[in-house]
Amino acid sequence: MGKLEQEGIQKITEAIENGEWEAAIDKEDVSSVPDDLMLALEVNDAWIGFENWPASQKKQYLYWLESAKRPERSGFKPLLIWL
């Protein structure tokens, strides 16, 4: 128990080779905020509030913005109202 099995090592190797490993790391990174979001937050004096959010909350909101299917849902108004 506690040791990585050969099958687990193989899965990690495959993920590294096909790019899934790096994609998973990038998905967890909340230090990179899109410029347009940062500008909207700064203009509305909401940047400090956003900066104080825990990483999990930032990640959830950034994912929500990136995965929006309709442009009106990807805007920043809901965030600015929330802050």
Protein backbone atom coordinates (compact mmCIF):
# COMPACT_ATOMS: atom_id res chain seq x y z
CA MET A 1 0.00 0.00 0.00
CA GLY A 2 1.25 3.48 -0.76
CA LYS A 3 3.49 2.44 -3.63
CA LEU A 4 2.68 3.45 -7.18
CA GLU A 5 1.84 0.36 -9.19
CA GLN A 6 3.25 -0.22 -12.68
CA GLU A 7 -0.17 0.53 -14.19
CA GLY A 8 -0.21 3.94 -12.46
CA ILE A 9 3.28 4.72 -13.70
CA GLN A 10 2.17 3.81 -17.24
CA LYS A 11 -0.84 6.14 -17.01
CA ILE A 12 1.38 9.01 -15.86
CA THR A 13 3.84 8.34 -18.68
CA GLU A 14 0.99 8.34 -21.23
CA ALA A 15 -0.40 11.60 -19.81
CA ILE A 16 3.01 13.25 -20.05
CA GLU A 17 3.48 12.05 -23.62
CA ASN A 18 0.04 13.14 -24.89
CA GLY A 19 -0.04 16.49 -23.10
CA GLU A 20 -2.76 15.69 -20.55
CA TRP A 21 -0.30 16.07 -17.69
CA GLU A 22 0.62 19.63 -18.62
CA ALA A 23 -3.04 20.49 -19.32
CA ALA A 24 -3.98 19.34 -15.82
CA ILE A 25 -1.25 21.50 -14.30
CA ASP A 26 -2.35 24.51 -16.35
CA LYS A 27 -5.96 23.98 -15.26
CA GLU A 28 -4.92 24.33 -11.62
CA ASP A 29 -2.97 27.56 -12.19
CA VAL A 30 -4.91 30.63 -11.09
CA SER A 31 -1.95 33.02 -11.16
CA SER A 32 -2.62 33.88 -14.80
CA VAL A 33 -5.72 36.06 -15.14
CA PRO A 34 -6.84 37.14 -18.65
CA ASP A 35 -5.96 40.77 -19.36
CA ASP A 36 -9.55 41.77 -20.12
CA LEU A 37 -10.75 40.32 -16.81
CA MET A 38 -7.97 42.08 -14.90
CA LEU A 39 -8.83 45.39 -16.57
CA ALA A 40 -12.55 44.97 -15.81
CA LEU A 41 -11.75 44.21 -12.19
CA GLU A 42 -9.41 47.19 -11.87
CA VAL A 43 -11.84 49.62 -13.52
CA ASN A 44 -14.56 48.53 -11.11
CA ASP A 45 -12.28 48.53 -8.03
CA ALA A 46 -12.85 44.81 -7.62
CA TRP A 47 -9.31 43.53 -8.19
CA ILE A 48 -8.43 43.45 -4.48
CA GLY A 49 -11.56 41.45 -3.73
CA PHE A 50 -10.71 38.96 -6.47
CA GLU A 51 -7.12 38.71 -5.26
CA ASN A 52 -8.37 37.81 -1.78
CA TRP A 53 -10.45 34.90 -3.06
CA PRO A 54 -9.08 31.44 -2.28
CA ALA A 55 -7.45 29.68 -5.23
CA SER A 56 -10.32 27.19 -5.45
CA GLN A 57 -12.86 29.98 -5.94
CA LYS A 58 -10.69 31.74 -8.57
CA LYS A 59 -10.25 28.44 -10.42
CA GLN A 60 -13.98 27.81 -10.42
CA TYR A 61 -14.80 31.27 -11.75
CA LEU A 62 -12.04 31.26 -14.39
CA TYR A 63 -13.27 27.86 -15.57
CA TRP A 64 -16.83 29.20 -15.74
CA LEU A 65 -15.69 32.10 -17.92
CA GLU A 66 -13.60 29.91 -20.22
CA SER A 67 -16.28 27.26 -20.67
CA ALA A 68 -19.22 29.60 -21.35
CA LYS A 69 -20.99 28.63 -24.54
CA ARG A 70 -22.74 31.96 -25.07
CA PRO A 71 -20.84 35.27 -25.09
CA GLU A 72 -23.28 36.95 -22.70
CA ARG A 73 -22.48 34.33 -20.08
CA SER A 74 -18.75 34.79 -20.40
CA GLY A 75 -18.83 38.46 -19.44
CA PHE A 76 -17.57 39.87 -16.19
CA LYS A 77 -20.77 41.54 -14.97
CA PRO A 78 -21.78 38.61 -12.73
CA LEU A 79 -18.35 38.65 -11.10
CA LEU A 80 -18.34 42.41 -10.64
CA ILE A 81 -21.78 42.31 -9.05
CA TRP A 82 -20.68 39.46 -6.80
CA LEU A 83 -17.61 41.35 -5.59
